[in-house]
Amino acid sequence: MTINVFDLDKTLIAKDIEYFFIYFLYKQSRVKKKILKKSLNYYKKYIKNKLNFNKYLKYFYKIFCKNKKKIQPFFKKIKKNIYKTTFALFKNKTHKIISTSSVCVFDNYIKTLFKSNIISTRIKTKNFKNYKVVNICKYLIKKKYKKIFFYTDSVNDLPMINFCNKSLIVNANFLFIKKIYSNKAINFIFLKTIL
């Protein structure tokens, strides 16, 4: 039996959920432009695999705590940014879970939207790079899955890609494609998605 593990940002949805939340707040005049710029810099560091997660989490939680009431209207925007292609694959799978580096503050909304369990990042339990492998192993300990099929867009997920039996690489950029092809042990296929 195979478990299908889906990344969230840029895999199931077309946005980075945290940066998109900050942008949403900015458009509603809830945060200043310097906060938007700082968030974009954090996002760029994440893309380049250079993000200091501890520093970033403290920063994001501080903003989130002041804007909790904005999550519900924000998720109306998220619904309009779901990738049709990967979501169709997701809906088709019986055995599935979302594994995301995104902060856990969105978990309940994501569970409702996708009708799925989720593994996400907390202050004491990170879920990125090698931590994704550790956390999925913990999740699967008492389950009878023999294979893992992983869906992701991110170069940060290379440890998980190496760990899984097969991976579907979504909308990969040049750096990611280069890394994938340089590792001949990886079993993968590429996919371009549409909204």
N, C-alpha and C. Protein backbone atom coordinates (compact mmCIF):
# COMPACT_ATOMS: atom_id res chain seq x y z
N MET A 1 0.84 -1.20 0.00
CA MET A 1 0.00 0.00 0.00
C MET A 1 0.88 1.26 0.00
N THR A 2 0.48 2.26 -0.76
CA THR A 2 1.28 3.48 -0.92
C THR A 2 0.61 4.66 -0.22
N ILE A 3 1.42 5.44 0.52
CA ILE A 3 0.95 6.70 1.08
C ILE A 3 1.42 7.83 0.16
N ASN A 4 0.51 8.75 -0.17
CA ASN A 4 0.85 9.89 -1.02
C ASN A 4 1.04 11.13 -0.14
N VAL A 5 2.24 11.67 -0.17
CA VAL A 5 2.60 12.81 0.67
C VAL A 5 2.72 14.06 -0.21
N PHE A 6 1.88 15.05 0.07
CA PHE A 6 1.83 16.27 -0.75
C PHE A 6 2.40 17.46 0.02
N ASP A 7 3.34 18.16 -0.61
CA ASP A 7 3.74 19.48 -0.13
C ASP A 7 2.55 20.42 -0.36
N LEU A 8 2.54 21.57 0.32
CA LEU A 8 1.42 22.51 0.18
C LEU A 8 1.75 23.68 -0.75
N ASP A 9 2.69 24.53 -0.32
CA ASP A 9 3.00 25.76 -1.05
C ASP A 9 3.60 25.46 -2.42
N LYS A 10 3.02 26.07 -3.44
CA LYS A 10 3.47 25.93 -4.83
C LYS A 10 3.34 24.50 -5.37
N THR A 11 2.65 23.65 -4.61
CA THR A 11 2.40 22.28 -5.06
C THR A 11 0.89 22.05 -5.15
N LEU A 12 0.19 22.21 -4.03
CA LEU A 12 -1.28 22.15 -4.05
C LEU A 12 -1.88 23.54 -4.28
N ILE A 13 -1.22 24.55 -3.73
CA ILE A 13 -1.68 25.93 -3.96
C ILE A 13 -0.59 26.71 -4.69
N ALA A 14 -1.00 27.76 -5.38
CA ALA A 14 -0.07 28.51 -6.26
C ALA A 14 0.76 29.54 -5.52
N LYS A 15 0.61 29.62 -4.21
CA LYS A 15 1.29 30.65 -3.42
C LYS A 15 2.11 30.04 -2.29
N ASP A 16 3.03 30.84 -1.77
CA ASP A 16 3.63 30.55 -0.47
C ASP A 16 2.65 31.11 0.56
N ILE A 17 2.05 30.23 1.35
CA ILE A 17 0.90 30.64 2.17
C ILE A 17 1.24 31.74 3.18
N GLU A 18 2.43 31.71 3.74
CA GLU A 18 2.79 32.72 4.75
C GLU A 18 3.04 34.09 4.12
N TYR A 19 3.80 34.10 3.03
CA TYR A 19 4.04 35.38 2.36
C TYR A 19 2.73 35.93 1.80
N PHE A 20 1.89 35.06 1.28
CA PHE A 20 0.60 35.47 0.73
C PHE A 20 -0.29 36.06 1.83
N PHE A 21 -0.20 35.53 3.04
CA PHE A 21 -0.95 36.05 4.18
C PHE A 21 -0.47 37.47 4.52
N ILE A 22 0.85 37.67 4.53
CA ILE A 22 1.41 39.01 4.79
C ILE A 22 0.98 39.99 3.70
N TYR A 23 1.02 39.52 2.46
CA TYR A 23 0.59 40.37 1.33
C TYR A 23 -0.89 40.74 1.47
N PHE A 24 -1.70 39.78 1.87
CA PHE A 24 -3.13 40.00 2.12
C PHE A 24 -3.33 41.06 3.21
N LEU A 25 -2.56 40.96 4.27
CA LEU A 25 -2.63 41.95 5.36
C LEU A 25 -2.20 43.33 4.88
N TYR A 26 -1.16 43.35 4.05
CA TYR A 26 -0.67 44.63 3.51
C TYR A 26 -1.75 45.30 2.66
N LYS A 27 -2.42 44.53 1.83
CA LYS A 27 -3.48 45.06 0.98
C LYS A 27 -4.64 45.60 1.80
N GLN A 28 -4.79 45.09 3.01
CA GLN A 28 -5.86 45.57 3.89
C GLN A 28 -5.34 46.61 4.89
N SER A 29 -4.13 47.08 4.64
CA SER A 29 -3.48 48.11 5.48
C SER A 29 -3.29 47.65 6.93
N ARG A 30 -3.07 46.36 7.10
CA ARG A 30 -2.83 45.80 8.44
C ARG A 30 -1.34 45.75 8.78
N VAL A 31 -0.50 45.74 7.75
CA VAL A 31 0.96 45.81 7.96
C VAL A 31 1.55 46.83 6.99
N LYS A 32 2.72 47.35 7.36
CA LYS A 32 3.37 48.36 6.52
C LYS A 32 4.21 47.70 5.43
N LYS A 33 4.62 48.54 4.48
CA LYS A 33 5.39 48.05 3.33
C LYS A 33 6.72 47.42 3.76
N LYS A 34 7.32 47.93 4.81
CA LYS A 34 8.62 47.38 5.25
C LYS A 34 8.45 45.94 5.76
N ILE A 35 7.28 45.62 6.31
CA ILE A 35 6.99 44.25 6.74
C ILE A 35 6.83 43.34 5.52
N LEU A 36 6.16 43.85 4.50
CA LEU A 36 6.00 43.10 3.25
C LEU A 36 7.37 42.80 2.63
N LYS A 37 8.25 43.79 2.61
CA LYS A 37 9.59 43.62 2.04
C LYS A 37 10.41 42.62 2.85
N LYS A 38 10.30 42.73 4.15
CA LYS A 38 11.04 41.80 5.02
C LYS A 38 10.56 40.37 4.81
N SER A 39 9.26 40.20 4.66
CA SER A 39 8.68 38.87 4.41
C SER A 39 9.13 38.31 3.07
N LEU A 40 9.22 39.19 2.08
CA LEU A 40 9.70 38.76 0.76
C LEU A 40 11.16 38.30 0.84
N ASN A 41 11.97 39.01 1.62
CA ASN A 41 13.37 38.62 1.81
C ASN A 41 13.49 37.25 2.48
N TYR A 42 12.64 37.02 3.47
CA TYR A 42 12.61 35.70 4.13
C TYR A 42 12.24 34.62 3.11
N TYR A 43 11.25 34.92 2.29
CA TYR A 43 10.80 33.94 1.29
C TYR A 43 11.92 33.63 0.28
N LYS A 44 12.64 34.67 -0.15
CA LYS A 44 13.75 34.46 -1.08
C LYS A 44 14.86 33.60 -0.46
N LYS A 45 15.09 33.81 0.82
CA LYS A 45 16.09 32.98 1.53
C LYS A 45 15.64 31.53 1.60
N TYR A 46 14.34 31.34 1.80
CA TYR A 46 13.79 29.97 1.82
C TYR A 46 13.98 29.29 0.47
N ILE A 47 13.67 30.01 -0.60
CA ILE A 47 13.82 29.49 -1.97
C ILE A 47 15.27 29.06 -2.22
N LYS A 48 16.23 29.85 -1.69
CA LYS A 48 17.65 29.57 -1.89
C LYS A 48 18.21 28.58 -0.86
N ASN A 49 17.31 28.05 0.01
CA ASN A 49 17.73 27.07 1.01
C ASN A 49 18.65 27.70 2.06
N LYS A 50 18.41 28.99 2.39
CA LYS A 50 19.30 29.71 3.32
C LYS A 50 18.54 30.34 4.49
N LEU A 51 17.31 29.90 4.71
CA LEU A 51 16.46 30.53 5.73
C LEU A 51 16.81 30.06 7.14
N ASN A 52 16.93 31.02 8.06
CA ASN A 52 17.05 30.71 9.49
C ASN A 52 15.63 30.56 10.04
N PHE A 53 15.19 29.32 10.20
CA PHE A 53 13.79 29.05 10.55
C PHE A 53 13.42 29.57 11.93
N ASN A 54 14.31 29.47 12.90
CA ASN A 54 14.00 29.92 14.26
C ASN A 54 13.70 31.42 14.29
N LYS A 55 14.54 32.17 13.61
CA LYS A 55 14.36 33.62 13.53
C LYS A 55 13.07 33.96 12.79
N TYR A 56 12.83 33.25 11.69
CA TYR A 56 11.64 33.50 10.88
C TYR A 56 10.35 33.17 11.65
N LEU A 57 10.32 32.06 12.36
CA LEU A 57 9.12 31.65 13.08
C LEU A 57 8.71 32.68 14.13
N LYS A 58 9.67 33.20 14.86
CA LYS A 58 9.38 34.22 15.87
C LYS A 58 8.79 35.47 15.21
N TYR A 59 9.36 35.84 14.08
CA TYR A 59 8.89 37.00 13.32
C TYR A 59 7.45 36.79 12.84
N PHE A 60 7.18 35.62 12.25
CA PHE A 60 5.85 35.37 11.68
C PHE A 60 4.78 35.25 12.77
N TYR A 61 5.09 34.55 13.85
CA TYR A 61 4.12 34.39 14.95
C TYR A 61 3.69 35.75 15.52
N LYS A 62 4.63 36.65 15.61
CA LYS A 62 4.34 37.98 16.14
C LYS A 62 3.29 38.69 15.28
N ILE A 63 3.45 38.61 13.96
CA ILE A 63 2.49 39.23 13.04
C ILE A 63 1.15 38.50 13.09
N PHE A 64 1.22 37.17 13.10
CA PHE A 64 0.00 36.37 13.10
C PHE A 64 -0.88 36.66 14.33
N CYS A 65 -0.25 36.73 15.49
CA CYS A 65 -1.01 36.93 16.74
C CYS A 65 -1.81 38.23 16.75
N LYS A 66 -1.34 39.20 15.98
CA LYS A 66 -2.06 40.47 15.90
C LYS A 66 -3.18 40.44 14.84
N ASN A 67 -3.22 39.37 14.05
CA ASN A 67 -4.14 39.34 12.90
C ASN A 67 -4.92 38.02 12.77
N LYS A 68 -5.16 37.36 13.90
CA LYS A 68 -5.85 36.06 13.88
C LYS A 68 -7.22 36.12 13.20
N LYS A 69 -7.92 37.22 13.41
CA LYS A 69 -9.28 37.34 12.86
C LYS A 69 -9.31 37.45 11.34
N LYS A 70 -8.15 37.63 10.75
CA LYS A 70 -8.08 37.79 9.29
C LYS A 70 -7.90 36.46 8.55
N ILE A 71 -7.74 35.36 9.29
CA ILE A 71 -7.47 34.08 8.64
C ILE A 71 -8.67 33.61 7.79
N GLN A 72 -9.86 33.73 8.33
CA GLN A 72 -11.03 33.24 7.59
C GLN A 72 -11.21 33.95 6.25
N PRO A 73 -11.21 35.29 6.20
CA PRO A 73 -11.30 35.94 4.88
C PRO A 73 -10.11 35.64 3.98
N PHE A 74 -8.94 35.43 4.60
CA PHE A 74 -7.75 35.08 3.82
C PHE A 74 -7.93 33.75 3.09
N PHE A 75 -8.56 32.80 3.73
CA PHE A 75 -8.72 31.48 3.11
C PHE A 75 -9.71 31.48 1.95
N LYS A 76 -10.53 32.50 1.85
CA LYS A 76 -11.38 32.64 0.67
C LYS A 76 -10.50 32.93 -0.56
N LYS A 77 -9.39 33.65 -0.31
CA LYS A 77 -8.41 33.91 -1.38
C LYS A 77 -7.64 32.64 -1.73
N ILE A 78 -7.31 31.86 -0.72
CA ILE A 78 -6.57 30.61 -0.94
C ILE A 78 -7.36 29.66 -1.84
N LYS A 79 -8.66 29.59 -1.63
CA LYS A 79 -9.52 28.71 -2.45
C LYS A 79 -9.41 29.01 -3.94
N LYS A 80 -9.14 30.28 -4.25
CA LYS A 80 -9.02 30.68 -5.66
C LYS A 80 -7.62 30.41 -6.22
N ASN A 81 -6.72 29.93 -5.38
CA ASN A 81 -5.33 29.71 -5.79
C ASN A 81 -4.89 28.26 -5.64
N ILE A 82 -5.85 27.36 -5.78
CA ILE A 82 -5.53 25.92 -5.75
C ILE A 82 -5.20 25.45 -7.16
N TYR A 83 -4.09 24.72 -7.29
CA TYR A 83 -3.72 24.17 -8.61
C TYR A 83 -4.69 23.05 -8.99
N LYS A 84 -5.34 23.19 -10.12
CA LYS A 84 -6.31 22.17 -10.56
C LYS A 84 -5.65 20.81 -10.79
N THR A 85 -4.46 20.84 -11.37
CA THR A 85 -3.80 19.59 -11.75
C THR A 85 -3.43 18.74 -10.54
N THR A 86 -2.70 19.34 -9.60
CA THR A 86 -2.28 18.57 -8.42
C THR A 86 -3.45 18.29 -7.48
N PHE A 87 -4.42 19.22 -7.44
CA PHE A 87 -5.58 18.97 -6.59
C PHE A 87 -6.40 17.79 -7.10
N ALA A 88 -6.49 17.64 -8.42
CA ALA A 88 -7.18 16.48 -9.01
C ALA A 88 -6.47 15.18 -8.61
N LEU A 89 -5.14 15.20 -8.65
CA LEU A 89 -4.37 14.03 -8.21
C LEU A 89 -4.62 13.76 -6.73
N PHE A 90 -4.61 14.82 -5.94
CA PHE A 90 -4.82 14.73 -4.49
C PHE A 90 -6.19 14.11 -4.17
N LYS A 91 -7.23 14.62 -4.81
CA LYS A 91 -8.59 14.12 -4.56
C LYS A 91 -8.73 12.64 -4.92
N ASN A 92 -7.98 12.22 -5.91
CA ASN A 92 -8.04 10.83 -6.40
C ASN A 92 -7.43 9.81 -5.45
N LYS A 93 -6.56 10.28 -4.55
CA LYS A 93 -5.83 9.37 -3.67
C LYS A 93 -6.59 9.09 -2.37
N THR A 94 -6.67 7.82 -2.02
CA THR A 94 -7.34 7.43 -0.77
C THR A 94 -6.41 7.63 0.41
N HIS A 95 -5.16 7.24 0.25
CA HIS A 95 -4.18 7.31 1.35
C HIS A 95 -3.24 8.48 1.09
N LYS A 96 -3.44 9.56 1.88
CA LYS A 96 -2.69 10.79 1.61
C LYS A 96 -2.53 11.62 2.88
N ILE A 97 -1.53 12.49 2.83
CA ILE A 97 -1.31 13.45 3.92
C ILE A 97 -0.57 14.65 3.34
N ILE A 98 -0.79 15.83 3.91
CA ILE A 98 -0.05 17.02 3.52
C ILE A 98 1.12 17.20 4.49
N SER A 99 2.30 17.39 3.94
CA SER A 99 3.49 17.66 4.77
C SER A 99 4.10 18.97 4.29
N THR A 100 4.04 20.00 5.14
CA THR A 100 4.45 21.33 4.73
C THR A 100 5.38 21.99 5.74
N SER A 101 6.28 22.82 5.23
CA SER A 101 7.15 23.60 6.13
C SER A 101 6.39 24.80 6.70
N SER A 102 5.20 25.06 6.19
CA SER A 102 4.40 26.20 6.66
C SER A 102 4.06 26.08 8.15
N VAL A 103 3.84 27.23 8.76
CA VAL A 103 3.58 27.29 10.19
C VAL A 103 2.18 26.74 10.52
N CYS A 104 2.08 26.07 11.66
CA CYS A 104 0.87 25.31 12.04
C CYS A 104 -0.38 26.16 12.27
N VAL A 105 -0.24 27.48 12.30
CA VAL A 105 -1.40 28.35 12.58
C VAL A 105 -2.51 28.18 11.55
N PHE A 106 -2.16 27.67 10.36
CA PHE A 106 -3.16 27.49 9.30
C PHE A 106 -3.75 26.08 9.27
N ASP A 107 -3.30 25.20 10.14
CA ASP A 107 -3.63 23.77 10.05
C ASP A 107 -5.12 23.46 9.95
N ASN A 108 -5.91 24.03 10.86
CA ASN A 108 -7.35 23.70 10.89
C ASN A 108 -8.05 24.10 9.59
N TYR A 109 -7.65 25.21 9.02
CA TYR A 109 -8.25 25.67 7.77
C TYR A 109 -7.82 24.79 6.61
N ILE A 110 -6.55 24.38 6.61
CA ILE A 110 -6.04 23.51 5.55
C ILE A 110 -6.72 22.14 5.62
N LYS A 111 -6.87 21.62 6.84
CA LYS A 111 -7.55 20.32 7.03
C LYS A 111 -8.97 20.37 6.49
N THR A 112 -9.67 21.47 6.76
CA THR A 112 -11.05 21.63 6.29
C THR A 112 -11.10 21.76 4.77
N LEU A 113 -10.19 22.55 4.24
CA LEU A 113 -10.17 22.82 2.80
C LEU A 113 -9.83 21.57 1.98
N PHE A 114 -8.83 20.81 2.46
CA PHE A 114 -8.36 19.65 1.69
C PHE A 114 -8.85 18.30 2.24
N LYS A 115 -9.54 18.35 3.39
CA LYS A 115 -10.05 17.12 4.02
C LYS A 115 -8.92 16.09 4.16
N SER A 116 -7.87 16.52 4.83
CA SER A 116 -6.68 15.68 4.98
C SER A 116 -5.96 16.01 6.27
N ASN A 117 -5.23 15.04 6.80
CA ASN A 117 -4.32 15.30 7.90
C ASN A 117 -3.15 16.12 7.40
N ILE A 118 -2.44 16.77 8.33
CA ILE A 118 -1.33 17.63 7.93
C ILE A 118 -0.19 17.55 8.95
N ILE A 119 1.02 17.55 8.43
CA ILE A 119 2.22 17.70 9.28
C ILE A 119 2.81 19.06 8.92
N SER A 120 2.99 19.92 9.93
CA SER A 120 3.47 21.29 9.66
C SER A 120 4.54 21.68 10.67
N THR A 121 5.00 22.92 10.56
CA THR A 121 6.08 23.42 11.42
C THR A 121 5.53 24.07 12.68
N ARG A 122 6.13 23.71 13.81
CA ARG A 122 5.87 24.34 15.10
C ARG A 122 7.20 24.82 15.67
N ILE A 123 7.13 25.62 16.71
CA ILE A 123 8.37 26.14 17.31
C ILE A 123 9.30 25.00 17.71
N LYS A 124 8.76 23.97 18.33
CA LYS A 124 9.60 22.86 18.81
C LYS A 124 9.64 21.67 17.85
N THR A 125 8.81 21.68 16.83
CA THR A 125 8.78 20.57 15.86
C THR A 125 8.80 21.14 14.44
N LYS A 126 9.98 21.31 13.92
CA LYS A 126 10.09 21.85 12.57
C LYS A 126 9.75 20.78 11.54
N ASN A 127 9.34 21.22 10.36
CA ASN A 127 8.99 20.27 9.30
C ASN A 127 9.53 20.76 7.95
N PHE A 128 10.83 20.77 7.84
CA PHE A 128 11.48 21.14 6.58
C PHE A 128 12.80 20.38 6.48
N LYS A 129 13.30 20.25 5.25
CA LYS A 129 14.54 19.52 4.97
C LYS A 129 14.49 18.13 5.61
N ASN A 130 15.52 17.78 6.39
CA ASN A 130 15.58 16.44 7.00
C ASN A 130 14.47 16.19 8.01
N TYR A 131 13.95 17.26 8.61
CA TYR A 131 12.87 17.10 9.58
C TYR A 131 11.62 16.49 8.95
N LYS A 132 11.40 16.79 7.65
CA LYS A 132 10.24 16.19 6.96
C LYS A 132 10.34 14.67 6.94
N VAL A 133 11.54 14.16 6.73
CA VAL A 133 11.76 12.71 6.71
C VAL A 133 11.50 12.13 8.09
N VAL A 134 12.05 12.76 9.11
CA VAL A 134 11.87 12.30 10.49
C VAL A 134 10.39 12.28 10.86
N ASN A 135 9.68 13.36 10.53
CA ASN A 135 8.27 13.48 10.91
C ASN A 135 7.36 12.51 10.17
N ILE A 136 7.65 12.26 8.88
CA ILE A 136 6.81 11.29 8.15
C ILE A 136 7.07 9.88 8.68
N CYS A 137 8.31 9.61 9.08
CA CYS A 137 8.63 8.30 9.68
C CYS A 137 7.86 8.09 10.99
N LYS A 138 7.79 9.14 11.79
CA LYS A 138 7.03 9.06 13.06
C LYS A 138 5.55 8.82 12.78
N TYR A 139 5.04 9.50 11.77
CA TYR A 139 3.63 9.36 11.39
C TYR A 139 3.32 7.94 10.92
N LEU A 140 4.28 7.33 10.21
CA LEU A 140 4.04 6.03 9.58
C LEU A 140 4.38 4.84 10.47
N ILE A 141 4.93 5.08 11.66
CA ILE A 141 5.42 3.99 12.52
C ILE A 141 4.40 2.86 12.68
N LYS A 142 3.16 3.19 13.00
CA LYS A 142 2.15 2.14 13.27
C LYS A 142 1.22 1.90 12.08
N LYS A 143 1.62 2.38 10.92
CA LYS A 143 0.79 2.18 9.73
C LYS A 143 1.46 1.20 8.78
N LYS A 144 0.69 0.63 7.89
CA LYS A 144 1.19 -0.49 7.07
C LYS A 144 1.54 -0.10 5.63
N TYR A 145 1.98 1.12 5.45
CA TYR A 145 2.37 1.56 4.11
C TYR A 145 3.76 1.04 3.76
N LYS A 146 3.90 0.53 2.55
CA LYS A 146 5.19 0.00 2.11
C LYS A 146 5.93 0.96 1.19
N LYS A 147 5.18 1.90 0.57
CA LYS A 147 5.80 2.85 -0.36
C LYS A 147 5.32 4.27 -0.08
N ILE A 148 6.18 5.23 -0.41
CA ILE A 148 5.83 6.65 -0.27
C ILE A 148 6.01 7.34 -1.62
N PHE A 149 4.94 8.00 -2.07
CA PHE A 149 4.98 8.80 -3.30
C PHE A 149 4.87 10.26 -2.85
N PHE A 150 5.86 11.05 -3.19
CA PHE A 150 5.97 12.43 -2.69
C PHE A 150 5.75 13.43 -3.83
N TYR A 151 5.00 14.50 -3.54
CA TYR A 151 4.70 15.55 -4.51
C TYR A 151 5.24 16.88 -3.98
N THR A 152 6.13 17.55 -4.72
CA THR A 152 6.71 18.79 -4.22
C THR A 152 7.21 19.68 -5.34
N ASP A 153 7.39 20.96 -5.00
CA ASP A 153 7.98 21.93 -5.94
C ASP A 153 9.35 22.39 -5.47
N SER A 154 9.77 21.99 -4.26
CA SER A 154 10.85 22.70 -3.57
C SER A 154 12.18 21.95 -3.51
N VAL A 155 13.24 22.68 -3.80
CA VAL A 155 14.60 22.14 -3.67
C VAL A 155 14.92 21.84 -2.20
N ASN A 156 14.23 22.50 -1.27
CA ASN A 156 14.41 22.23 0.16
C ASN A 156 13.96 20.83 0.54
N ASP A 157 13.17 20.21 -0.34
CA ASP A 157 12.64 18.87 -0.06
C ASP A 157 13.52 17.74 -0.59
N LEU A 158 14.74 18.04 -1.00
CA LEU A 158 15.62 16.99 -1.53
C LEU A 158 15.83 15.82 -0.57
N PRO A 159 15.97 16.05 0.76
CA PRO A 159 16.10 14.89 1.67
C PRO A 159 14.88 13.96 1.59
N MET A 160 13.69 14.56 1.50
CA MET A 160 12.46 13.77 1.41
C MET A 160 12.36 13.05 0.06
N ILE A 161 12.77 13.74 -1.00
CA ILE A 161 12.77 13.14 -2.34
C ILE A 161 13.69 11.93 -2.37
N ASN A 162 14.85 12.07 -1.77
CA ASN A 162 15.80 10.95 -1.70
C ASN A 162 15.26 9.78 -0.88
N PHE A 163 14.46 10.10 0.13
CA PHE A 163 13.93 9.08 1.04
C PHE A 163 12.77 8.30 0.42
N CYS A 164 11.95 8.97 -0.38
CA CYS A 164 10.72 8.35 -0.90
C CYS A 164 10.99 7.40 -2.08
N ASN A 165 10.02 6.52 -2.34
CA ASN A 165 10.15 5.58 -3.45
C ASN A 165 10.05 6.26 -4.80
N LYS A 166 9.19 7.29 -4.88
CA LYS A 166 9.03 8.03 -6.13
C LYS A 166 8.54 9.44 -5.81
N SER A 167 8.92 10.41 -6.65
CA SER A 167 8.49 11.79 -6.44
C SER A 167 7.96 12.40 -7.72
N LEU A 168 6.94 13.25 -7.55
CA LEU A 168 6.42 14.04 -8.65
C LEU A 168 6.87 15.48 -8.40
N ILE A 169 7.72 16.00 -9.29
CA ILE A 169 8.30 17.32 -9.11
C ILE A 169 7.45 18.35 -9.87
N VAL A 170 6.91 19.31 -9.12
CA VAL A 170 5.93 20.26 -9.67
C VAL A 170 6.59 21.59 -10.01
N ASN A 171 6.43 22.04 -11.25
CA ASN A 171 6.89 23.38 -11.67
C ASN A 171 8.33 23.68 -11.24
N ALA A 172 9.22 22.75 -11.46
CA ALA A 172 10.60 22.91 -10.99
C ALA A 172 11.34 24.03 -11.72
N ASN A 173 12.13 24.81 -10.95
CA ASN A 173 12.99 25.82 -11.59
C ASN A 173 14.31 25.17 -12.03
N PHE A 174 15.17 25.94 -12.69
CA PHE A 174 16.40 25.38 -13.27
C PHE A 174 17.30 24.76 -12.20
N LEU A 175 17.47 25.47 -11.08
CA LEU A 175 18.33 24.96 -10.00
C LEU A 175 17.84 23.60 -9.50
N PHE A 176 16.54 23.50 -9.32
CA PHE A 176 15.94 22.26 -8.83
C PHE A 176 16.13 21.12 -9.84
N ILE A 177 15.87 21.41 -11.11
CA ILE A 177 16.03 20.40 -12.17
C ILE A 177 17.47 19.89 -12.20
N LYS A 178 18.42 20.82 -12.08
CA LYS A 178 19.84 20.47 -12.08
C LYS A 178 20.17 19.53 -10.92
N LYS A 179 19.66 19.85 -9.73
CA LYS A 179 19.91 19.02 -8.54
C LYS A 179 19.30 17.63 -8.72
N ILE A 180 18.11 17.58 -9.28
CA ILE A 180 17.43 16.30 -9.49
C ILE A 180 18.22 15.41 -10.45
N TYR A 181 18.62 15.97 -11.57
CA TYR A 181 19.33 15.18 -12.57
C TYR A 181 20.74 14.78 -12.12
N SER A 182 21.30 15.52 -11.16
CA SER A 182 22.65 15.18 -10.68
C SER A 182 22.63 13.98 -9.73
N ASN A 183 21.43 13.61 -9.25
CA ASN A 183 21.30 12.46 -8.35
C ASN A 183 20.59 11.32 -9.09
N LYS A 184 21.36 10.37 -9.58
CA LYS A 184 20.80 9.30 -10.40
C LYS A 184 19.97 8.28 -9.61
N ALA A 185 20.04 8.38 -8.28
CA ALA A 185 19.29 7.43 -7.44
C ALA A 185 17.82 7.84 -7.29
N ILE A 186 17.50 9.08 -7.65
CA ILE A 186 16.13 9.59 -7.47
C ILE A 186 15.20 9.06 -8.56
N ASN A 187 14.05 8.55 -8.13
CA ASN A 187 13.01 8.09 -9.05
C ASN A 187 11.95 9.20 -9.12
N PHE A 188 11.82 9.86 -10.26
CA PHE A 188 10.96 11.04 -10.32
C PHE A 188 10.27 11.20 -11.67
N ILE A 189 9.23 12.05 -11.67
CA ILE A 189 8.62 12.54 -12.90
C ILE A 189 8.33 14.02 -12.71
N PHE A 190 8.31 14.79 -13.80
CA PHE A 190 8.03 16.22 -13.74
C PHE A 190 6.57 16.50 -14.11
N LEU A 191 6.03 17.59 -13.54
CA LEU A 191 4.66 18.00 -13.85
C LEU A 191 4.57 19.52 -13.88
N LYS A 192 3.90 20.06 -14.91
CA LYS A 192 3.55 21.48 -14.95
C LYS A 192 2.09 21.61 -14.54
N THR A 193 1.79 22.55 -13.66
CA THR A 193 0.43 22.67 -13.13
C THR A 193 -0.28 23.89 -13.73
N ILE A 194 -1.62 23.87 -13.58
CA ILE A 194 -2.44 25.03 -13.99
C ILE A 194 -3.40 25.39 -12.86
N LEU A 195 -3.79 26.66 -12.83
CA LEU A 195 -4.78 27.11 -11.85
C LEU A 195 -6.19 26.79 -12.34
